[in-house]
Protein backbone atom coordinates (compact mmCIF):
# COMPACT_ATOMS: atom_id res chain seq x y z
CA MET A 1 113.71 68.45 183.56
CA LYS A 2 116.24 68.95 180.87
CA LYS A 3 116.83 72.43 180.36
CA GLN A 4 118.22 73.96 177.01
CA TRP A 5 119.10 77.53 177.59
CA PRO A 6 119.83 79.78 174.46
CA LEU A 7 123.32 81.47 174.66
CA ASP A 8 122.25 84.78 173.04
CA THR A 9 119.61 86.35 175.20
CA ALA A 10 118.34 89.71 175.50
CA ILE A 11 118.83 89.36 179.59
CA SER A 12 121.34 87.25 181.28
CA PHE A 13 120.17 84.16 182.88
CA ASP A 14 121.29 81.88 185.61
CA PRO A 15 120.16 78.32 184.09
CA TYR A 16 119.69 77.12 187.89
CA ALA A 17 116.07 77.69 188.19
CA GLY A 18 116.02 78.15 191.79
CA GLU A 19 115.31 76.10 194.97
CA PRO A 20 113.01 73.44 194.24
CA SER A 21 111.15 73.87 197.39
CA ARG A 22 110.36 77.41 196.64
CA ASP A 23 110.22 77.59 192.98
CA GLY A 24 109.67 73.89 191.71
CA ASP A 25 111.35 72.72 188.41
CA GLN A 26 110.35 75.27 186.13
CA GLY A 27 111.16 75.53 182.62
CA TYR A 28 110.99 73.81 179.24
CA GLU A 29 112.24 71.12 177.20
CA ILE A 30 112.50 70.93 173.42
CA LEU A 31 111.14 67.60 172.17
CA ASP A 32 111.30 65.92 168.66
CA GLY A 33 108.77 67.14 165.91
CA GLY A 34 108.68 70.77 166.97
CA LYS A 35 107.14 70.33 170.28
CA VAL A 36 108.00 71.82 173.57
CA PHE A 37 106.95 70.85 177.09
CA PHE A 38 106.52 73.24 179.69
CA ARG A 39 106.19 73.47 183.52
CA ILE A 40 104.97 76.65 185.02
CA LYS A 41 104.44 77.35 188.73
CA ALA A 42 101.27 79.19 189.21
CA PRO A 43 99.84 78.16 192.49
CA HIS A 44 96.48 80.32 192.73
CA ALA A 45 95.82 80.44 189.15
CA LYS A 46 92.66 79.09 187.37
CA GLU A 47 94.05 78.63 183.92
CA VAL A 48 97.38 78.68 182.34
CA ALA A 49 97.86 79.03 178.21
CA ILE A 50 100.79 79.53 175.87
CA ASP A 51 99.49 82.23 173.59
CA GLN A 52 101.08 82.36 170.09
CA PHE A 53 99.49 85.70 169.07
CA GLY A 54 96.02 84.50 169.49
CA ASN A 55 96.39 80.77 169.33
CA LEU A 56 95.98 79.59 172.86
CA GLN A 57 97.26 76.26 174.05
CA TYR A 58 96.21 75.24 177.70
CA LEU A 59 98.48 73.79 180.03
CA GLN A 60 97.09 71.51 182.93
CA LYS A 61 97.23 71.58 186.47
CA ALA A 62 99.93 68.78 187.66
CA ASN A 63 99.52 69.69 191.50
CA ASP A 64 98.43 72.64 193.44
CA GLU A 65 101.42 74.66 192.24
CA MET A 66 102.55 73.29 189.13
CA TRP A 67 100.93 73.48 185.55
CA GLU A 68 102.17 71.26 182.40
CA GLY A 69 101.82 70.74 179.02
CA THR A 70 103.00 70.03 175.64
CA VAL A 71 102.92 72.66 172.88
CA GLU A 72 102.93 72.45 169.23
CA PHE A 73 105.55 75.17 167.90
CA GLY A 74 107.12 73.82 164.58
CA THR A 75 110.54 74.89 164.33
CA GLY A 76 112.65 78.33 164.37
CA PHE A 77 112.48 81.33 166.57
CA LYS A 78 109.09 81.45 168.07
CA TYR A 79 107.85 83.99 170.71
CA PHE A 80 104.89 83.74 172.82
CA PHE A 81 102.76 85.26 175.56
CA LEU A 82 102.33 83.36 178.98
CA LYS A 83 98.90 83.97 180.10
CA ILE A 84 97.78 83.34 183.53
CA ASP A 85 93.84 83.81 184.12
CA GLY A 86 94.17 86.36 181.16
CA ALA A 87 97.01 88.39 182.27
CA ASP A 88 100.19 88.45 179.94
CA VAL A 89 102.98 87.22 182.26
CA LEU A 90 106.62 87.48 181.69
CA ASN A 91 108.32 84.26 183.27
CA PRO A 92 111.81 84.53 184.69
CA TYR A 93 112.55 80.69 183.96
CA LEU A 94 112.21 80.94 180.39
CA PRO A 95 114.18 82.38 177.72
CA ILE A 96 113.49 86.39 177.17
CA GLY A 97 113.68 88.68 174.10
CA TYR A 98 112.29 91.48 172.85
CA GLY A 99 109.44 92.30 170.59
CA CYS A 100 106.06 93.78 170.15
CA CYS A 101 107.51 96.79 172.33
CA ARG A 102 108.27 94.76 175.22
CA PRO A 103 110.24 91.84 176.70
CA MET A 104 108.62 88.62 175.50
CA ASN A 105 109.36 84.74 176.35
CA TYR A 106 110.53 82.47 173.53
CA VAL A 107 111.72 79.30 172.24
CA ASP A 108 114.27 78.72 169.65
CA ILE A 109 113.72 75.37 168.13
CA PRO A 110 116.44 73.93 165.63
CA VAL A 111 115.60 73.87 162.19
CA PRO A 112 117.12 70.79 160.55
CA GLY A 113 119.87 71.73 157.96
CA GLU A 114 120.17 75.48 159.25
CA ASP A 115 123.27 75.02 161.25
CA TRP A 116 125.03 78.15 160.10
CA ASP A 117 124.72 79.99 163.36
CA GLY A 118 126.92 77.56 165.21
CA LEU A 119 129.56 78.66 167.62
CA GLU A 120 132.01 75.85 167.78
CA GLY A 121 135.31 75.53 165.68
CA ILE A 122 135.31 79.19 164.06
CA PRO A 123 136.71 82.68 164.83
CA HIS A 124 134.02 84.90 166.06
CA GLY A 125 133.61 88.76 165.64
CA ALA A 126 132.89 91.43 168.34
CA VAL A 127 129.74 93.41 169.00
CA ALA A 128 130.14 96.80 170.65
CA ARG A 129 127.54 99.20 172.02
CA HIS A 130 128.12 102.89 170.90
CA TYR A 131 126.10 106.10 171.86
CA TYR A 132 125.88 109.03 169.50
CA PHE A 133 124.22 112.38 169.90
CA SER A 134 121.67 112.70 167.31
CA GLN A 135 121.17 116.35 165.95
CA VAL A 136 117.71 114.95 164.50
CA THR A 137 116.16 113.76 167.83
CA GLY A 138 117.97 116.27 170.29
CA LYS A 139 119.23 113.35 172.39
CA MET A 140 121.67 110.50 172.59
CA GLU A 141 121.08 107.38 170.60
CA VAL A 142 122.56 103.95 170.61
CA CYS A 143 123.78 101.40 168.01
CA LEU A 144 125.34 98.00 167.94
CA VAL A 145 128.43 97.71 165.65
CA TYR A 146 129.62 94.05 164.57
CA THR A 147 133.28 93.59 163.48
CA PRO A 148 134.49 90.67 161.89
CA PRO A 149 136.89 88.03 163.77
CA CYS A 150 140.24 89.43 162.04
CA TYR A 151 139.34 93.09 162.57
CA ASP A 152 142.22 95.48 162.08
CA ALA A 153 141.91 99.04 162.98
CA GLY A 154 144.52 100.01 160.11
CA LYS A 155 142.46 98.32 157.26
CA LYS A 156 139.17 99.86 155.67
CA TYR A 157 136.05 98.17 155.67
CA PRO A 158 132.69 98.42 154.02
CA VAL A 159 129.65 99.08 155.91
CA LEU A 160 126.29 97.24 155.96
CA TYR A 161 123.61 99.31 158.15
CA LEU A 162 121.00 96.50 159.34
CA GLN A 163 117.54 97.63 160.83
CA HIS A 164 115.28 95.83 162.96
CA GLY A 165 111.21 95.93 162.73
CA TYR A 166 108.40 97.71 164.41
CA GLY A 167 108.43 97.39 168.31
CA GLU A 168 111.81 95.86 168.22
CA ASN A 169 115.29 97.52 168.77
CA GLU A 170 119.16 97.40 168.05
CA ILE A 171 119.39 94.25 169.85
CA GLY A 172 117.23 92.25 167.62
CA TRP A 173 119.53 91.30 164.71
CA VAL A 174 122.38 90.25 167.40
CA TYR A 175 120.46 88.48 170.02
CA GLN A 176 117.42 87.11 167.86
CA GLY A 177 118.62 87.16 164.34
CA HIS A 178 122.30 85.95 165.41
CA VAL A 179 123.53 88.22 162.61
CA GLY A 180 127.30 87.92 164.31
CA ARG A 181 127.27 84.43 164.31
CA ILE A 182 125.92 84.13 161.02
CA ALA A 183 128.54 86.30 159.57
CA ASP A 184 131.58 84.45 161.35
CA GLN A 185 130.39 81.11 159.74
CA LEU A 186 130.00 82.68 156.31
CA LEU A 187 133.37 84.42 156.61
CA HIS A 188 134.95 81.21 157.92
CA LYS A 189 133.86 79.44 154.60
CA GLY A 190 134.96 82.35 152.43
CA GLU A 191 131.25 82.98 151.31
CA MET A 192 131.35 86.60 152.07
CA GLU A 193 133.43 89.72 152.52
CA GLU A 194 134.64 91.35 155.40
CA MET A 195 132.63 94.06 156.58
CA ILE A 196 131.15 96.08 159.76
CA ILE A 197 127.43 95.79 160.38
CA VAL A 198 125.93 98.70 162.04
CA MET A 199 122.49 98.23 163.79
CA GLY A 200 120.84 101.59 165.00
CA ASN A 201 117.36 101.88 167.09
CA GLY A 202 114.85 102.77 164.52
CA MET A 203 111.92 103.53 167.05
CA THR A 204 112.83 107.18 167.01
CA LYS A 205 111.67 109.85 169.16
CA VAL A 206 112.54 113.87 169.13
CA ASN A 207 113.33 114.66 172.92
CA PHE A 208 111.51 111.65 174.26
CA ALA A 209 107.91 112.74 172.63
CA GLU A 210 105.63 110.60 170.43
CA MET A 211 107.61 108.16 168.56
CA ASN A 212 108.21 108.72 164.71
CA ARG A 213 109.69 105.70 163.25
CA MET A 214 110.12 107.78 159.71
CA LEU A 215 112.61 110.07 161.34
CA PHE A 216 115.11 107.26 161.34
CA PRO A 217 116.37 107.97 157.82
CA ASP A 218 117.40 111.28 158.67
CA VAL A 219 119.17 110.12 162.04
CA LEU A 220 121.05 107.64 159.71
CA LEU A 221 121.95 110.08 157.09
CA GLN A 222 122.89 113.08 159.46
CA ASP A 223 123.91 111.58 162.47
CA LEU A 224 124.57 107.47 162.37
CA ILE A 225 126.75 107.26 159.04
CA PRO A 226 128.95 110.46 159.96
CA TYR A 227 129.48 109.02 163.50
CA ILE A 228 130.50 105.46 162.27
CA GLU A 229 132.61 107.21 159.51
CA GLY A 230 134.62 109.18 162.24
CA ARG A 231 134.66 106.50 164.56
CA TYR A 232 135.75 103.27 162.26
CA ASN A 233 138.29 103.08 159.41
CA VAL A 234 135.54 102.66 156.90
CA TYR A 235 135.41 103.46 152.91
CA THR A 236 132.80 106.24 152.25
CA ASP A 237 131.59 105.71 148.83
CA LYS A 238 128.42 104.14 147.66
CA TRP A 239 129.95 100.76 146.44
CA HIS A 240 131.26 100.16 150.35
CA ARG A 241 128.07 101.23 151.82
CA ALA A 242 124.73 98.95 152.13
CA MET A 243 121.69 98.97 153.71
CA ALA A 244 119.03 96.49 154.65
CA GLY A 245 116.08 95.79 156.92
CA LEU A 246 113.15 93.69 157.99
CA SER A 247 109.78 94.76 158.25
CA MET A 248 109.71 98.65 159.41
CA GLY A 249 113.24 98.41 158.76
CA SER A 250 112.72 97.22 155.06
CA TYR A 251 110.42 100.26 154.18
CA GLN A 252 113.15 102.66 156.11
CA THR A 253 115.89 101.01 153.67
CA SER A 254 113.41 101.44 150.69
CA ILE A 255 113.23 105.22 151.49
CA VAL A 256 116.84 105.67 152.37
CA THR A 257 118.14 103.71 149.34
CA LEU A 258 115.79 104.57 146.65
CA SER A 259 116.04 108.35 147.65
CA ASN A 260 120.09 108.66 147.78
CA PRO A 261 121.26 106.05 144.95
CA ASP A 262 124.43 108.28 145.08
CA LYS A 263 124.95 107.04 148.60
CA PHE A 264 124.17 103.19 148.52
CA GLY A 265 125.03 100.74 146.14
CA TYR A 266 123.26 97.74 147.67
CA ALA A 267 119.98 97.19 149.49
CA GLY A 268 118.27 94.37 151.44
CA VAL A 269 114.37 94.42 151.93
CA PHE A 270 113.25 91.58 154.11
CA SER A 271 109.62 90.92 154.68
CA GLY A 272 109.66 93.69 152.50
CA PHE A 273 108.12 97.06 151.79
CA LEU A 274 108.92 99.29 148.93
CA ARG A 275 105.47 100.88 149.74
CA PHE A 276 104.04 101.41 153.24
CA PRO A 277 101.16 98.83 153.44
CA ARG A 278 98.63 101.52 154.23
CA GLY A 279 99.21 103.90 151.33
CA GLY A 280 100.51 107.55 151.44
CA GLU A 281 103.03 109.58 149.35
CA GLU A 282 105.89 107.61 148.06
CA LYS A 283 108.36 110.00 146.61
CA HIS A 284 111.30 107.36 147.09
CA LEU A 285 109.66 105.26 144.37
CA ALA A 286 110.54 107.92 141.39
CA ILE A 287 113.42 106.05 140.32
CA LEU A 288 111.58 102.73 139.71
CA ASP A 289 110.50 104.61 136.84
CA GLU A 290 114.07 105.22 135.41
CA GLN A 291 115.69 101.80 134.29
CA GLN A 292 118.77 102.58 133.26
CA LYS A 293 119.61 104.96 136.29
CA PHE A 294 117.89 102.33 138.69
CA ASN A 295 120.08 99.36 136.98
CA ASP A 296 123.20 101.66 137.10
CA SER A 297 122.72 102.59 140.54
CA TYR A 298 122.51 99.27 142.57
CA ARG A 299 124.71 96.25 142.09
CA VAL A 300 122.10 94.50 144.40
CA PHE A 301 118.43 95.47 145.26
CA TYR A 302 117.21 92.58 147.28
CA ARG A 303 113.79 91.66 148.24
CA ALA A 304 112.40 88.63 150.20
CA MET A 305 109.27 87.59 151.74
CA GLY A 306 108.18 84.67 154.06
CA THR A 307 105.48 82.50 151.94
CA GLU A 308 102.99 82.64 155.19
CA ASP A 309 103.84 86.27 155.85
CA GLN A 310 100.81 88.04 157.12
CA PHE A 311 102.10 90.88 154.70
CA TYR A 312 102.31 88.73 151.69
CA GLN A 313 99.72 90.47 149.56
CA SER A 314 101.86 93.63 149.79
CA PHE A 315 104.80 92.06 148.51
CA ALA A 316 102.80 90.55 145.68
CA ASN A 317 101.33 94.10 145.11
CA ASP A 318 104.91 95.30 144.70
CA ASP A 319 105.63 92.37 142.43
CA ASP A 320 102.89 93.88 140.19
CA MET A 321 104.04 97.25 140.10
CA LEU A 322 107.39 96.34 139.10
CA LYS A 323 106.21 93.98 136.32
CA ASP A 324 107.71 95.11 133.13
CA LYS A 325 109.92 97.73 134.43
CA GLY A 326 113.33 96.05 133.47
CA LEU A 327 114.82 96.56 137.03
CA ASN A 328 117.58 94.31 137.90
CA MET A 329 116.39 93.07 141.51
CA THR A 330 116.72 89.54 143.36
CA ARG A 331 113.57 88.18 144.52
CA ARG A 332 113.40 85.51 146.95
CA THR A 333 110.65 83.62 149.17
CA PHE A 334 111.29 81.44 152.17
CA PRO A 335 108.89 79.18 154.03
CA GLY A 336 107.59 80.84 157.07
CA GLY A 337 105.78 83.92 158.47
CA HIS A 338 106.55 87.30 159.53
CA ASP A 339 109.33 86.19 161.75
CA TRP A 340 113.14 85.49 162.83
CA SER A 341 113.25 81.96 161.15
CA VAL A 342 112.61 83.88 157.85
CA TRP A 343 114.87 86.89 158.52
CA ARG A 344 117.67 84.75 159.66
CA ARG A 345 117.34 83.04 156.26
CA CYS A 346 117.16 86.18 154.42
CA ILE A 347 120.38 87.82 155.98
CA HIS A 348 122.32 84.40 155.34
CA ASP A 349 121.24 84.78 151.79
CA PHE A 350 122.16 88.49 151.30
CA LEU A 351 125.50 88.84 153.05
CA PRO A 352 127.54 86.78 150.33
CA MET A 353 125.93 88.92 147.74
CA ILE A 354 127.11 92.37 148.73
CA PHE A 355 130.54 94.40 148.24
CA LYS A 356 131.62 92.01 145.76
CA ASP A 357 134.18 93.40 143.29
């Protein structure tokens, strides 16, 4: 079987699938038309299925040990659960990412015309992992920092703080969103400004207690920004500081940027919430009723959503709320759902807009 292993994965793989006499030729092959062929070893199973969040497509028994089948996926990044006799199983011979609060198998099917995360023929930046102590959570936290290909510690850079969604962590934008590769391509073409991109873990806990994702705005403002500004040679004014995020990270972005117009000049709300979908107190929205202050405070305020997103009605409700307010916002929709295919399009669209003179 032809194996197509992604270069960026959350876990390191040896593409050799083991000894055939022991493991069989397990794996997958991407076919034309958004289809994927799977071959899975499950010798004692009664049924094996590929589960796309409730949409089960069953594999057929090929012999006493192996199950095979071709599954319709469409294009783009697709998480799935491998279900064996109803139990979720993480298969080590398929690519592994992280989402829904757990490691998950996935396939990444090329989208025609979207080759802006390619690797060959261009300079590449670097991604470093940093640990910093948070006064807010009372423990060490982690972030990833992208620096551009021609990074020079003697030069000042603007900073984009870029957040993941619920059930993910700081690795998502690098391994699954390909933000570094997208930025490398845009820089190579001269379509964006050089910048540092910082990705923190937004699933915040205090001293390992129950998770409170709404603590992250405090972590960002009190701990992460000071850490980055003490560690890297960056500008510290609002016109050189941006924040963006997807899903949960979009709501965190809305809270932070709308509550702190003196600290952020750019915002990106991807699959995006200005308001929490299930309601609640929204003090950060007050600036939306101050047209002149809002328009003076942000050079770019960007909202985007996939047209098939399960939360599209929340996006439409925000459209209604914003109607007739006269606010300078950029609004986009992209084909796709609540997934990385849309979020890659969002970041590819957003990066060229920020930090322009």
